[in-house]
Amino acid sequence: MGKEQSTIIRMKGVSKSFSQTQVLADITLEIKRGELVSILGESGCGKSTLLNIIGGFERADSGEVLLNGRPVQEPVRSCVMLFQDYGLLPWRTVRKNIELGLEGLKLSAAERKARTAHLLKLVGLEGKEDLFPHELSGGMQQRVGIARAFAMNPEVILMDEPFAALDTFNRYYLQNELLSIQSREKTTIVMVTHDIDEAIYLSDRVIILHPNPGRIHKEIQIELPKPRRRSGSDFQHYRNIIFKEFQFDREEHFLEFHI
């Protein structure tokens, strides 16, 4: 990934319990500036809880969480969350939903207009700015959500299965859009997913969590140039590695089904 990057997120010995059930145990993790990292694991392993702790929406019971060297105690504008349910305000147009991310910034009307126009172009929604969410497809709604997140000019974007509700074609399209935008904006992205192919296609690094309680089982560096070929032998190599880490009994069936 070029020259050495600085650490933007640092977690050390992080644990979390809910109602006497331990969800996360001793999570120690560093994420470099500009990385796209996927947190991969089965349901109930604490992926979303880990993301919420990084974003300041949940407090760890123990351990240390630092963003840019400062303890994370609450949500901040430099680290924003993008959910799979889009989170758009139905009474606001595309333009007004994107501008929501600009509120609180000291921008002139001209700067606000220029920034919004740039974001509309960035996510391919030029000409759609006056439509309301109910007039958009699911893929378009998620593009509005992505534009609103980038509107805040964050250093980190946290994504909780952002493409899970979309059909295959929209999901692939938005994965490509996300890579294109991230390569230009140089934003650090931490994404929760249960989709092995998505993790390999997007990520610089994949963090595998195992459950009961959630703990880091393995980190895998994906050393492939982007964009990647899902049908390529190198891609299948990483799929095999990850499938073996989850110890599926019917591995060949799963590989055959997902190819």
Protein backbone atom coordinates (compact mmCIF):
# COMPACT_ATOMS: atom_id res chain seq x y z
CA MET A 1 0.00 0.00 0.00
CA GLY A 2 2.87 2.38 -0.64
CA LYS A 3 4.68 4.30 2.06
CA GLU A 4 4.12 3.44 5.70
CA GLN A 5 0.85 4.75 7.06
CA SER A 6 0.11 6.17 10.48
CA THR A 7 -2.30 4.49 12.86
CA ILE A 8 -5.69 6.24 13.06
CA ILE A 9 -7.60 3.71 15.22
CA ARG A 10 -6.03 1.83 18.08
CA MET A 11 -7.84 -0.66 20.31
CA LYS A 12 -6.13 -2.48 23.17
CA GLY A 13 -7.69 -5.12 25.42
CA VAL A 14 -11.27 -4.08 24.64
CA SER A 15 -14.04 -6.17 26.24
CA LYS A 16 -17.80 -5.65 26.38
CA SER A 17 -20.73 -7.43 28.06
CA PHE A 18 -24.50 -7.03 27.91
CA SER A 19 -26.70 -8.42 30.71
CA GLN A 20 -23.84 -10.52 32.08
CA THR A 21 -23.17 -12.04 28.65
CA GLN A 22 -19.70 -11.24 27.36
CA VAL A 23 -19.93 -10.10 23.73
CA LEU A 24 -16.32 -9.08 23.07
CA ALA A 25 -13.13 -10.24 24.76
CA ASP A 26 -9.68 -8.68 24.68
CA ILE A 27 -9.88 -7.02 21.24
CA THR A 28 -6.53 -5.53 20.27
CA LEU A 29 -6.44 -3.95 16.82
CA GLU A 30 -4.74 -1.17 14.88
CA ILE A 31 -6.11 0.37 11.69
CA LYS A 32 -3.93 2.50 9.45
CA ARG A 33 -4.97 5.78 7.88
CA GLY A 34 -6.50 5.17 4.45
CA GLU A 35 -7.09 1.44 4.97
CA LEU A 36 -10.31 -0.35 4.08
CA VAL A 37 -10.73 -3.06 6.70
CA SER A 38 -13.55 -5.60 6.91
CA ILE A 39 -14.73 -7.21 10.14
CA LEU A 40 -15.96 -10.66 9.11
CA GLY A 41 -17.80 -13.21 11.19
CA GLU A 42 -21.00 -15.11 11.74
CA SER A 43 -24.08 -13.56 13.36
CA GLY A 44 -23.71 -12.91 17.08
CA CYS A 45 -19.91 -12.65 17.17
CA GLY A 46 -19.94 -8.97 18.17
CA LYS A 47 -19.11 -7.32 14.83
CA SER A 48 -21.64 -4.49 15.16
CA THR A 49 -20.79 -3.96 18.83
CA LEU A 50 -17.13 -3.57 17.87
CA LEU A 51 -18.09 -0.99 15.23
CA ASN A 52 -20.28 0.90 17.72
CA ILE A 53 -17.42 1.05 20.23
CA ILE A 54 -15.07 2.50 17.59
CA GLY A 55 -17.73 5.10 16.73
CA GLY A 56 -18.40 6.06 20.35
CA PHE A 57 -22.00 4.78 20.32
CA GLU A 58 -21.13 2.14 22.94
CA ARG A 59 -18.58 2.27 25.74
CA ALA A 60 -16.22 -0.62 26.31
CA ASP A 61 -16.26 -2.18 29.78
CA SER A 62 -12.49 -2.37 29.75
CA GLY A 63 -9.58 -1.62 27.49
CA GLU A 64 -8.56 1.41 25.43
CA VAL A 65 -10.01 2.86 22.21
CA LEU A 66 -8.14 5.73 20.54
CA LEU A 67 -9.02 7.74 17.44
CA ASN A 68 -6.14 9.92 16.27
CA GLY A 69 -4.50 9.29 19.63
CA ARG A 70 -7.51 10.54 21.63
CA PRO A 71 -9.79 8.35 23.77
CA VAL A 72 -13.16 7.64 22.13
CA GLN A 73 -15.88 8.68 24.57
CA GLU A 74 -18.71 9.78 22.27
CA PRO A 75 -19.51 10.10 18.54
CA VAL A 76 -17.52 12.77 16.67
CA ARG A 77 -17.86 14.30 13.19
CA SER A 78 -14.53 12.90 12.06
CA CYS A 79 -15.91 9.34 12.40
CA VAL A 80 -19.36 8.67 10.91
CA MET A 81 -21.58 5.58 10.66
CA LEU A 82 -23.38 4.32 7.56
CA PHE A 83 -26.12 1.74 8.15
CA GLN A 84 -27.77 -0.75 5.80
CA ASP A 85 -31.21 0.87 6.26
CA TYR A 86 -29.94 4.08 4.56
CA GLY A 87 -31.26 6.39 7.33
CA LEU A 88 -32.62 9.00 4.90
CA LEU A 89 -35.19 11.55 6.01
CA PRO A 90 -38.29 10.87 3.84
CA TRP A 91 -39.43 14.51 3.82
CA ARG A 92 -36.10 15.77 2.44
CA THR A 93 -34.96 15.59 -1.17
CA VAL A 94 -31.73 13.94 -2.27
CA ARG A 95 -30.00 17.32 -2.14
CA LYS A 96 -31.37 18.15 1.31
CA ASN A 97 -30.45 14.72 2.68
CA ILE A 98 -26.87 15.18 1.49
CA GLU A 99 -26.78 18.71 2.90
CA LEU A 100 -27.68 17.24 6.29
CA GLY A 101 -24.08 16.09 6.45
CA LEU A 102 -22.92 19.68 5.95
CA GLU A 103 -24.90 21.13 8.84
CA GLY A 104 -22.67 22.56 11.53
CA LEU A 105 -19.86 23.29 9.08
CA LYS A 106 -18.88 26.89 8.46
CA LEU A 107 -19.65 27.00 4.76
CA SER A 108 -21.00 29.81 2.62
CA ALA A 109 -24.07 29.15 0.46
CA ALA A 110 -21.80 28.91 -2.60
CA GLU A 111 -19.45 26.46 -0.86
CA ARG A 112 -22.40 24.35 0.29
CA LYS A 113 -23.81 24.25 -3.24
CA ALA A 114 -20.44 23.34 -4.76
CA ARG A 115 -19.80 20.62 -2.18
CA THR A 116 -23.24 19.09 -2.75
CA ALA A 117 -22.80 19.18 -6.54
CA HIS A 118 -19.42 17.46 -6.16
CA LEU A 119 -20.95 14.71 -4.01
CA LEU A 120 -23.89 14.19 -6.38
CA LYS A 121 -21.42 13.67 -9.21
CA LEU A 122 -19.24 11.46 -7.02
CA VAL A 123 -22.07 8.96 -6.45
CA GLY A 124 -23.66 9.28 -9.89
CA LEU A 125 -26.86 11.06 -8.83
CA GLU A 126 -26.69 14.18 -10.98
CA GLY A 127 -30.21 15.04 -12.11
CA LYS A 128 -31.76 13.20 -9.14
CA GLU A 129 -31.19 15.95 -6.57
CA ASP A 130 -34.85 17.01 -6.33
CA LEU A 131 -36.28 13.50 -5.89
CA PHE A 132 -37.49 12.18 -2.53
CA PRO A 133 -36.28 8.87 -1.03
CA HIS A 134 -39.49 7.01 -1.92
CA GLU A 135 -38.84 7.84 -5.58
CA LEU A 136 -35.44 6.12 -5.52
CA SER A 137 -34.38 2.50 -5.78
CA GLY A 138 -32.62 0.88 -2.83
CA GLY A 139 -29.27 1.26 -4.57
CA MET A 140 -29.86 4.97 -5.19
CA GLN A 141 -30.91 5.49 -1.58
CA GLN A 142 -27.69 3.92 -0.38
CA ARG A 143 -25.73 6.17 -2.74
CA VAL A 144 -27.39 9.16 -1.06
CA GLY A 145 -26.33 7.73 2.29
CA ILE A 146 -22.76 7.34 1.07
CA ALA A 147 -22.74 10.91 -0.29
CA ARG A 148 -24.07 12.26 3.03
CA ALA A 149 -21.37 10.39 4.94
CA PHE A 150 -18.62 11.80 2.69
CA ALA A 151 -20.22 15.27 2.93
CA MET A 152 -18.98 15.50 6.49
CA ASN A 153 -15.43 15.06 5.17
CA PRO A 154 -14.74 12.42 7.83
CA GLU A 155 -11.44 10.74 8.47
CA VAL A 156 -13.21 7.43 9.19
CA ILE A 157 -16.44 5.93 7.86
CA LEU A 158 -17.91 2.95 9.71
CA MET A 159 -20.20 0.73 7.63
CA ASP A 160 -22.51 -1.88 9.16
CA GLU A 161 -23.36 -4.30 6.32
CA PRO A 162 -24.17 -1.36 4.02
CA PHE A 163 -25.04 -3.45 0.96
CA ALA A 164 -26.76 -6.43 2.61
CA ALA A 165 -30.29 -5.35 1.63
CA LEU A 166 -29.45 -4.89 -2.07
CA ASP A 167 -29.70 -7.30 -4.97
CA THR A 168 -26.49 -8.73 -6.42
CA PHE A 169 -26.19 -6.27 -9.30
CA ASN A 170 -26.71 -3.17 -7.14
CA ARG A 171 -24.37 -4.57 -4.52
CA TYR A 172 -21.57 -5.13 -7.06
CA TYR A 173 -22.14 -1.68 -8.56
CA LEU A 174 -21.96 0.07 -5.20
CA GLN A 175 -18.91 -1.92 -4.15
CA ASN A 176 -17.14 -0.57 -7.24
CA GLU A 177 -18.41 2.96 -6.53
CA LEU A 178 -17.17 2.75 -2.95
CA LEU A 179 -13.68 1.70 -4.08
CA SER A 180 -13.60 4.51 -6.63
CA ILE A 181 -14.68 7.14 -4.10
CA GLN A 182 -12.37 5.89 -1.39
CA SER A 183 -9.37 5.90 -3.71
CA ARG A 184 -10.02 9.60 -4.43
CA GLU A 185 -11.02 10.75 -0.95
CA LYS A 186 -8.42 8.62 0.93
CA THR A 187 -10.92 8.00 3.73
CA THR A 188 -10.35 5.19 6.22
CA ILE A 189 -13.23 2.69 6.10
CA VAL A 190 -14.08 -0.03 8.61
CA MET A 191 -16.87 -2.28 7.41
CA VAL A 192 -18.82 -5.06 9.09
CA THR A 193 -19.90 -7.84 6.75
CA HIS A 194 -20.87 -11.51 6.77
CA ASP A 195 -20.15 -11.79 3.03
CA ILE A 196 -16.76 -13.42 2.37
CA ASP A 197 -16.61 -12.32 -1.28
CA GLU A 198 -17.41 -8.72 -0.35
CA ALA A 199 -14.66 -8.71 2.26
CA ILE A 200 -12.07 -10.00 -0.20
CA TYR A 201 -13.19 -7.72 -3.04
CA LEU A 202 -13.09 -4.49 -1.01
CA SER A 203 -10.58 -4.91 1.77
CA ASP A 204 -6.93 -4.26 2.30
CA ARG A 205 -7.25 -6.43 5.40
CA VAL A 206 -9.87 -8.83 6.75
CA ILE A 207 -10.33 -9.31 10.50
CA ILE A 208 -12.04 -12.61 11.33
CA LEU A 209 -14.02 -12.72 14.57
CA HIS A 210 -15.04 -15.94 16.28
CA PRO A 211 -17.97 -15.88 18.75
CA ASN A 212 -18.79 -16.66 22.39
CA PRO A 213 -17.33 -14.20 23.21
CA GLY A 214 -16.29 -12.28 20.11
CA ARG A 215 -12.53 -12.31 19.72
CA ILE A 216 -10.06 -11.79 16.88
CA HIS A 217 -9.27 -15.17 15.40
CA LYS A 218 -7.09 -14.07 12.49
CA GLU A 219 -6.06 -11.10 10.36
CA ILE A 220 -5.60 -11.65 6.64
CA GLN A 221 -3.86 -9.13 4.39
CA ILE A 222 -5.42 -9.17 0.91
CA GLU A 223 -2.44 -8.60 -1.35
CA LEU A 224 -4.26 -8.14 -4.65
CA PRO A 225 -4.47 -5.00 -6.82
CA LYS A 226 -7.82 -3.23 -7.06
CA PRO A 227 -10.24 -3.59 -8.75
CA ARG A 228 -10.19 -7.36 -8.30
CA ARG A 229 -11.48 -10.22 -10.44
CA ARG A 230 -13.94 -12.30 -8.45
CA SER A 231 -13.39 -15.24 -10.80
CA GLY A 232 -9.59 -15.07 -10.67
CA SER A 233 -7.50 -17.84 -9.12
CA ASP A 234 -5.92 -15.42 -6.61
CA PHE A 235 -9.38 -14.38 -5.42
CA GLN A 236 -10.35 -18.05 -4.98
CA HIS A 237 -7.13 -18.59 -3.04
CA TYR A 238 -8.23 -16.07 -0.41
CA ARG A 239 -11.75 -17.53 -0.36
CA ASN A 240 -10.28 -20.94 0.43
CA ILE A 241 -8.16 -19.49 3.22
CA ILE A 242 -11.16 -17.78 4.84
CA PHE A 243 -13.49 -20.77 4.42
CA LYS A 244 -10.93 -22.96 6.19
CA GLU A 245 -10.74 -20.47 9.06
CA PHE A 246 -14.48 -20.91 9.60
CA GLN A 247 -14.04 -24.70 9.41
CA PHE A 248 -17.13 -25.36 7.30
CA ASP A 249 -17.90 -29.06 7.16
CA ARG A 250 -19.19 -28.81 3.59
CA GLU A 251 -16.60 -26.42 2.23
CA GLU A 252 -16.70 -27.69 -1.33
CA HIS A 253 -20.47 -27.25 -1.47
CA PHE A 254 -20.20 -23.66 -0.28
CA LEU A 255 -17.42 -22.83 -2.72
CA GLU A 256 -19.40 -24.33 -5.57
CA PHE A 257 -22.56 -22.45 -4.55
CA HIS A 258 -20.89 -19.03 -4.30
CA ILE A 259 -18.76 -19.15 -7.47
